[in-house]
Amino acid sequence: MSGALDAALARRSWSKVTDEAPSHEELLDFVAAAGRVADHKSLHPWRLIELRGADRQRLGKALNKAEGHKGSSSKPMRAPLIIAVVASYSKTHKVPRWEQEAVASGVAHVLSLVLDEAGWGVFWRTAGEHTRSKVVAKAHGLKKSEELLGWLYVGGKPKRSRPTRRKGVDATRFVSRMPKG
C-alpha cells in the first residue's frame, strides 16, 4: 500500500488530546501540503485562523454568547491549538459557491490527514447552528463573503494502553455504476 492510502485508512478522530501542539512554523508546512487539494480555477476559496492561548477563551465567550449564556464555554480549552476553517467565497460565475465550499472542506480534511500522519491528534468540531452565528463570525473577523465551516482541534495523541481502531467502511455500499439508459 502507499503512504497516503495507509494514512487515510489509519486516520481517526482524537476527542481527547494532550497539551502539546505543532508550532506555528510546523503548521505552515502542513497547510502548504493541504492547500494542494483540487481547486477549480485555483481560486483558493479558503483561509485558516490559528487560535492558541487566550484566543480560545475569546472563542469560548463567543460560543456562549451565541447560545444566550454568559461566561465562557470550556469547549475551546480541550485542545492547545484550534484551527478555524473558513470558506472565503469568490464571486466568479465560473465556479459555483458549493464547489468553493468543497475546496475549503477538502483543505480541512487533508490538513487533518497530514497532522494525524505527523503524530498529532485531530478532531473536527462544529457548534451546530452557532458555527455560522453572527457573534461567532464577528469573533473570527469574517468578511461578508466568508463562512465558518468549523474547527480542527489539534494536540498531542495521548498514550493508550490499547489502541482503538475506527471501524472500516464497506466500500461496496457506496460505489455503484451509472444506470443504463
C-alpha atoms as a PDB file:
ATOM      1  CA  MET A   1       0.000   0.000   0.000  1.00  0.00           C
ATOM      2  CA  SER A   2       1.026   3.601  -0.460  1.00  0.00           C
ATOM      3  CA  GLY A   3       1.761   6.094   2.301  1.00  0.00           C
ATOM      4  CA  ALA A   4      -1.339   8.173   1.505  1.00  0.00           C
ATOM      5  CA  LEU A   5      -3.596   5.117   1.479  1.00  0.00           C
ATOM      6  CA  ASP A   6      -2.140   3.851   4.751  1.00  0.00           C
ATOM      7  CA  ALA A   7      -2.578   7.295   6.332  1.00  0.00           C
ATOM      8  CA  ALA A   8      -6.207   7.525   5.221  1.00  0.00           C
ATOM      9  CA  LEU A   9      -7.009   4.009   6.450  1.00  0.00           C
ATOM     10  CA  ALA A  10      -5.372   4.674   9.830  1.00  0.00           C
ATOM     11  CA  ARG A  11      -6.948   8.099  10.413  1.00  0.00           C
ATOM     12  CA  ARG A  12      -9.250   8.558  13.365  1.00  0.00           C
ATOM     13  CA  SER A  13     -10.571  11.444  15.406  1.00  0.00           C
ATOM     14  CA  TRP A  14      -8.915  12.138  18.748  1.00  0.00           C
ATOM     15  CA  SER A  15     -11.575  13.667  21.010  1.00  0.00           C
ATOM     16  CA  LYS A  16      -9.047  13.961  23.834  1.00  0.00           C
ATOM     17  CA  VAL A  17      -5.599  15.368  23.175  1.00  0.00           C
ATOM     18  CA  THR A  18      -2.631  16.435  25.288  1.00  0.00           C
ATOM     19  CA  ASP A  19      -1.354  19.992  25.741  1.00  0.00           C
ATOM     20  CA  GLU A  20       1.342  19.622  23.080  1.00  0.00           C
ATOM     21  CA  ALA A  21       0.746  21.164  19.653  1.00  0.00           C
ATOM     22  CA  PRO A  22       2.669  21.801  16.447  1.00  0.00           C
ATOM     23  CA  SER A  23       4.494  25.121  16.306  1.00  0.00           C
ATOM     24  CA  HIS A  24       3.346  27.907  14.011  1.00  0.00           C
ATOM     25  CA  GLU A  25       6.197  27.060  11.616  1.00  0.00           C
ATOM     26  CA  GLU A  26       5.252  23.368  11.550  1.00  0.00           C
ATOM     27  CA  LEU A  27       1.631  24.326  10.955  1.00  0.00           C
ATOM     28  CA  LEU A  28       2.643  26.370   7.902  1.00  0.00           C
ATOM     29  CA  ASP A  29       4.266  23.274   6.360  1.00  0.00           C
ATOM     30  CA  PHE A  30       1.111  21.226   6.958  1.00  0.00           C
ATOM     31  CA  VAL A  31      -1.079  23.961   5.460  1.00  0.00           C
ATOM     32  CA  ALA A  32       1.169  24.181   2.384  1.00  0.00           C
ATOM     33  CA  ALA A  33       0.543  20.470   1.802  1.00  0.00           C
ATOM     34  CA  ALA A  34      -3.207  20.724   2.469  1.00  0.00           C
ATOM     35  CA  GLY A  35      -3.511  23.640   0.063  1.00  0.00           C
ATOM     36  CA  ARG A  36      -2.718  21.283  -2.821  1.00  0.00           C
ATOM     37  CA  VAL A  37      -6.330  19.996  -2.995  1.00  0.00           C
ATOM     38  CA  ALA A  38      -8.173  20.138  -6.315  1.00  0.00           C
ATOM     39  CA  ASP A  39      -9.251  23.753  -6.792  1.00  0.00           C
ATOM     40  CA  HIS A  40     -11.152  24.721  -9.958  1.00  0.00           C
ATOM     41  CA  LYS A  41      -9.632  27.948 -11.363  1.00  0.00           C
ATOM     42  CA  SER A  42      -7.119  27.996  -8.449  1.00  0.00           C
ATOM     43  CA  LEU A  43      -9.329  30.403  -6.504  1.00  0.00           C
ATOM     44  CA  HIS A  44      -8.070  29.311  -3.078  1.00  0.00           C
ATOM     45  CA  PRO A  45     -11.545  29.961  -1.611  1.00  0.00           C
ATOM     46  CA  TRP A  46     -10.449  29.253   1.947  1.00  0.00           C
ATOM     47  CA  ARG A  47      -8.414  30.536   4.808  1.00  0.00           C
ATOM     48  CA  LEU A  48      -7.479  29.237   8.223  1.00  0.00           C
ATOM     49  CA  ILE A  49      -7.379  31.069  11.546  1.00  0.00           C
ATOM     50  CA  GLU A  50      -4.902  29.818  14.152  1.00  0.00           C
ATOM     51  CA  LEU A  51      -6.232  30.035  17.721  1.00  0.00           C
ATOM     52  CA  ARG A  52      -3.934  29.472  20.695  1.00  0.00           C
ATOM     53  CA  GLY A  53      -3.901  30.626  24.324  1.00  0.00           C
ATOM     54  CA  ALA A  54      -6.309  33.495  25.024  1.00  0.00           C
ATOM     55  CA  ASP A  55      -7.810  33.187  21.520  1.00  0.00           C
ATOM     56  CA  ARG A  56      -9.508  30.005  22.741  1.00  0.00           C
ATOM     57  CA  GLN A  57     -11.066  31.873  25.667  1.00  0.00           C
ATOM     58  CA  ARG A  58     -12.418  34.541  23.299  1.00  0.00           C
ATOM     59  CA  LEU A  59     -13.922  31.764  21.182  1.00  0.00           C
ATOM     60  CA  GLY A  60     -15.485  30.261  24.334  1.00  0.00           C
ATOM     61  CA  LYS A  61     -17.106  33.605  25.159  1.00  0.00           C
ATOM     62  CA  ALA A  62     -18.448  33.955  21.603  1.00  0.00           C
ATOM     63  CA  LEU A  63     -19.892  30.423  21.678  1.00  0.00           C
ATOM     64  CA  ASN A  64     -21.651  31.072  24.986  1.00  0.00           C
ATOM     65  CA  LYS A  65     -22.971  34.420  23.746  1.00  0.00           C
ATOM     66  CA  ALA A  66     -24.326  32.708  20.603  1.00  0.00           C
ATOM     67  CA  GLU A  67     -26.171  30.266  22.874  1.00  0.00           C
ATOM     68  CA  GLY A  68     -27.553  33.104  25.003  1.00  0.00           C
ATOM     69  CA  HIS A  69     -25.350  32.288  28.005  1.00  0.00           C
ATOM     70  CA  LYS A  70     -22.894  34.394  29.982  1.00  0.00           C
ATOM     71  CA  GLY A  71     -19.333  33.424  30.694  1.00  0.00           C
ATOM     72  CA  SER A  72     -17.122  31.257  28.535  1.00  0.00           C
ATOM     73  CA  SER A  73     -17.623  27.775  27.117  1.00  0.00           C
ATOM     74  CA  SER A  74     -14.870  25.364  28.121  1.00  0.00           C
ATOM     75  CA  LYS A  75     -15.040  23.511  24.786  1.00  0.00           C
ATOM     76  CA  PRO A  76     -12.235  25.511  23.116  1.00  0.00           C
ATOM     77  CA  MET A  77      -9.942  24.658  26.023  1.00  0.00           C
ATOM     78  CA  ARG A  78      -9.975  20.963  25.036  1.00  0.00           C
ATOM     79  CA  ALA A  79      -7.017  21.417  22.672  1.00  0.00           C
ATOM     80  CA  PRO A  80      -3.963  23.707  22.707  1.00  0.00           C
ATOM     81  CA  LEU A  81      -4.394  24.589  19.019  1.00  0.00           C
ATOM     82  CA  ILE A  82      -7.645  25.240  17.227  1.00  0.00           C
ATOM     83  CA  ILE A  83      -7.717  25.917  13.507  1.00  0.00           C
ATOM     84  CA  ALA A  84     -10.834  27.693  12.269  1.00  0.00           C
ATOM     85  CA  VAL A  85     -11.722  26.577   8.732  1.00  0.00           C
ATOM     86  CA  VAL A  86     -13.207  29.393   6.683  1.00  0.00           C
ATOM     87  CA  ALA A  87     -14.774  29.239   3.226  1.00  0.00           C
ATOM     88  CA  SER A  88     -13.805  32.506   1.553  1.00  0.00           C
ATOM     89  CA  TYR A  89     -16.028  32.763  -1.500  1.00  0.00           C
ATOM     90  CA  SER A  90     -15.148  34.437  -4.790  1.00  0.00           C
ATOM     91  CA  LYS A  91     -17.967  35.981  -6.827  1.00  0.00           C
ATOM     92  CA  THR A  92     -16.862  34.237 -10.003  1.00  0.00           C
ATOM     93  CA  HIS A  93     -19.698  32.810 -12.074  1.00  0.00           C
ATOM     94  CA  LYS A  94     -17.494  30.007 -13.390  1.00  0.00           C
ATOM     95  CA  VAL A  95     -17.086  28.238 -10.038  1.00  0.00           C
ATOM     96  CA  PRO A  96     -20.298  27.779  -8.043  1.00  0.00           C
ATOM     97  CA  ARG A  97     -20.389  28.524  -4.331  1.00  0.00           C
ATOM     98  CA  TRP A  98     -20.875  24.841  -3.382  1.00  0.00           C
ATOM     99  CA  GLU A  99     -17.694  23.928  -5.244  1.00  0.00           C
ATOM    100  CA  GLN A 100     -15.738  26.604  -3.408  1.00  0.00           C
ATOM    101  CA  GLU A 101     -17.030  25.306  -0.078  1.00  0.00           C
ATOM    102  CA  ALA A 102     -15.999  21.795  -1.141  1.00  0.00           C
ATOM    103  CA  VAL A 103     -12.439  23.071  -1.709  1.00  0.00           C
ATOM    104  CA  ALA A 104     -12.336  24.617   1.784  1.00  0.00           C
ATOM    105  CA  SER A 105     -13.651  21.355   3.257  1.00  0.00           C
ATOM    106  CA  GLY A 106     -11.054  19.429   1.259  1.00  0.00           C
ATOM    107  CA  VAL A 107      -8.268  21.589   2.668  1.00  0.00           C
ATOM    108  CA  ALA A 108      -9.534  20.889   6.200  1.00  0.00           C
ATOM    109  CA  HIS A 109      -9.680  17.152   5.573  1.00  0.00           C
ATOM    110  CA  VAL A 110      -6.229  16.926   4.001  1.00  0.00           C
ATOM    111  CA  LEU A 111      -4.864  19.086   6.819  1.00  0.00           C
ATOM    112  CA  SER A 112      -6.344  16.661   9.354  1.00  0.00           C
ATOM    113  CA  LEU A 113      -4.724  13.752   7.483  1.00  0.00           C
ATOM    114  CA  VAL A 114      -1.246  15.274   7.361  1.00  0.00           C
ATOM    115  CA  LEU A 115      -1.454  16.338  11.006  1.00  0.00           C
ATOM    116  CA  ASP A 116      -2.536  12.828  12.005  1.00  0.00           C
ATOM    117  CA  GLU A 117       0.226  11.256   9.923  1.00  0.00           C
ATOM    118  CA  ALA A 118       2.750  13.562  11.624  1.00  0.00           C
ATOM    119  CA  GLY A 119       1.647  12.230  15.011  1.00  0.00           C
ATOM    120  CA  TRP A 120      -0.841  14.888  16.121  1.00  0.00           C
ATOM    121  CA  GLY A 121      -4.326  14.161  17.419  1.00  0.00           C
ATOM    122  CA  VAL A 122      -7.032  15.968  15.449  1.00  0.00           C
ATOM    123  CA  PHE A 123     -10.795  16.223  15.559  1.00  0.00           C
ATOM    124  CA  TRP A 124     -13.183  18.401  13.573  1.00  0.00           C
ATOM    125  CA  ARG A 125     -15.857  20.184  15.586  1.00  0.00           C
ATOM    126  CA  THR A 126     -18.759  22.424  14.790  1.00  0.00           C
ATOM    127  CA  ALA A 127     -21.107  24.187  17.167  1.00  0.00           C
ATOM    128  CA  GLY A 128     -24.259  23.356  15.231  1.00  0.00           C
ATOM    129  CA  GLU A 129     -26.081  26.463  14.094  1.00  0.00           C
ATOM    130  CA  HIS A 130     -23.742  28.587  16.219  1.00  0.00           C
ATOM    131  CA  THR A 131     -20.880  27.847  13.846  1.00  0.00           C
ATOM    132  CA  ARG A 132     -22.450  30.353  11.480  1.00  0.00           C
ATOM    133  CA  SER A 133     -23.864  32.775  14.040  1.00  0.00           C
ATOM    134  CA  LYS A 134     -23.098  36.480  13.717  1.00  0.00           C
ATOM    135  CA  VAL A 135     -21.360  36.676  17.087  1.00  0.00           C
ATOM    136  CA  VAL A 136     -19.028  33.768  16.269  1.00  0.00           C
ATOM    137  CA  ALA A 137     -18.336  35.203  12.788  1.00  0.00           C
ATOM    138  CA  LYS A 138     -17.504  38.570  14.335  1.00  0.00           C
ATOM    139  CA  ALA A 139     -15.144  36.958  16.863  1.00  0.00           C
ATOM    140  CA  HIS A 140     -13.241  35.407  13.928  1.00  0.00           C
ATOM    141  CA  GLY A 141     -13.200  38.641  11.910  1.00  0.00           C
ATOM    142  CA  LEU A 142     -15.061  37.076   8.985  1.00  0.00           C
ATOM    143  CA  LYS A 143     -15.948  39.143   5.940  1.00  0.00           C
ATOM    144  CA  LYS A 144     -19.416  39.098   4.360  1.00  0.00           C
ATOM    145  CA  SER A 145     -18.113  36.741   1.675  1.00  0.00           C
ATOM    146  CA  GLU A 146     -16.921  34.185   4.259  1.00  0.00           C
ATOM    147  CA  GLU A 147     -18.448  31.387   6.331  1.00  0.00           C
ATOM    148  CA  LEU A 148     -17.002  29.404   9.187  1.00  0.00           C
ATOM    149  CA  LEU A 149     -17.150  25.660   8.456  1.00  0.00           C
ATOM    150  CA  GLY A 150     -15.866  24.505  11.837  1.00  0.00           C
ATOM    151  CA  TRP A 151     -12.657  23.993  13.764  1.00  0.00           C
ATOM    152  CA  LEU A 152      -9.881  21.447  13.787  1.00  0.00           C
ATOM    153  CA  TYR A 153      -8.859  20.806  17.390  1.00  0.00           C
ATOM    154  CA  VAL A 154      -5.197  19.762  17.466  1.00  0.00           C
ATOM    155  CA  GLY A 155      -2.979  18.414  20.232  1.00  0.00           C
ATOM    156  CA  GLY A 156      -0.753  15.543  21.187  1.00  0.00           C
ATOM    157  CA  LYS A 157      -2.020  11.985  20.921  1.00  0.00           C
ATOM    158  CA  PRO A 158      -2.415  10.570  24.418  1.00  0.00           C
ATOM    159  CA  LYS A 159      -0.772   7.268  25.225  1.00  0.00           C
ATOM    160  CA  ARG A 160      -3.285   4.421  25.271  1.00  0.00           C
ATOM    161  CA  SER A 161      -2.930   1.027  26.814  1.00  0.00           C
ATOM    162  CA  ARG A 162      -4.826  -0.465  23.867  1.00  0.00           C
ATOM    163  CA  PRO A 163      -5.098   1.374  20.573  1.00  0.00           C
ATOM    164  CA  THR A 164      -8.641   1.891  19.325  1.00  0.00           C
ATOM    165  CA  ARG A 165      -9.441   1.480  15.666  1.00  0.00           C
ATOM    166  CA  ARG A 166     -12.159   3.153  13.735  1.00  0.00           C
ATOM    167  CA  LYS A 167     -14.460   0.686  12.027  1.00  0.00           C
ATOM    168  CA  GLY A 168     -13.695   0.413   8.318  1.00  0.00           C
ATOM    169  CA  VAL A 169     -16.098   1.390   5.574  1.00  0.00           C
ATOM    170  CA  ASP A 170     -17.706  -1.249   3.364  1.00  0.00           C
ATOM    171  CA  ALA A 171     -16.878   0.451   0.065  1.00  0.00           C
ATOM    172  CA  THR A 172     -19.295  -1.782  -1.881  1.00  0.00           C
ATOM    173  CA  ARG A 173     -22.186   0.067  -0.189  1.00  0.00           C
ATOM    174  CA  PHE A 174     -21.027   3.416  -1.567  1.00  0.00           C
ATOM    175  CA  VAL A 175     -19.758   2.649  -5.085  1.00  0.00           C
ATOM    176  CA  SER A 176     -22.096   1.944  -7.960  1.00  0.00           C
ATOM    177  CA  ARG A 177     -22.190   2.215 -11.734  1.00  0.00           C
ATOM    178  CA  MET A 178     -24.120   4.797 -13.689  1.00  0.00           C
ATOM    179  CA  PRO A 179     -27.570   3.466 -14.607  1.00  0.00           C
ATOM    180  CA  LYS A 180     -28.046   2.331 -18.191  1.00  0.00           C
ATOM    181  CA  GLY A 181     -30.134   4.481 -20.107  1.00  0.00           C
END
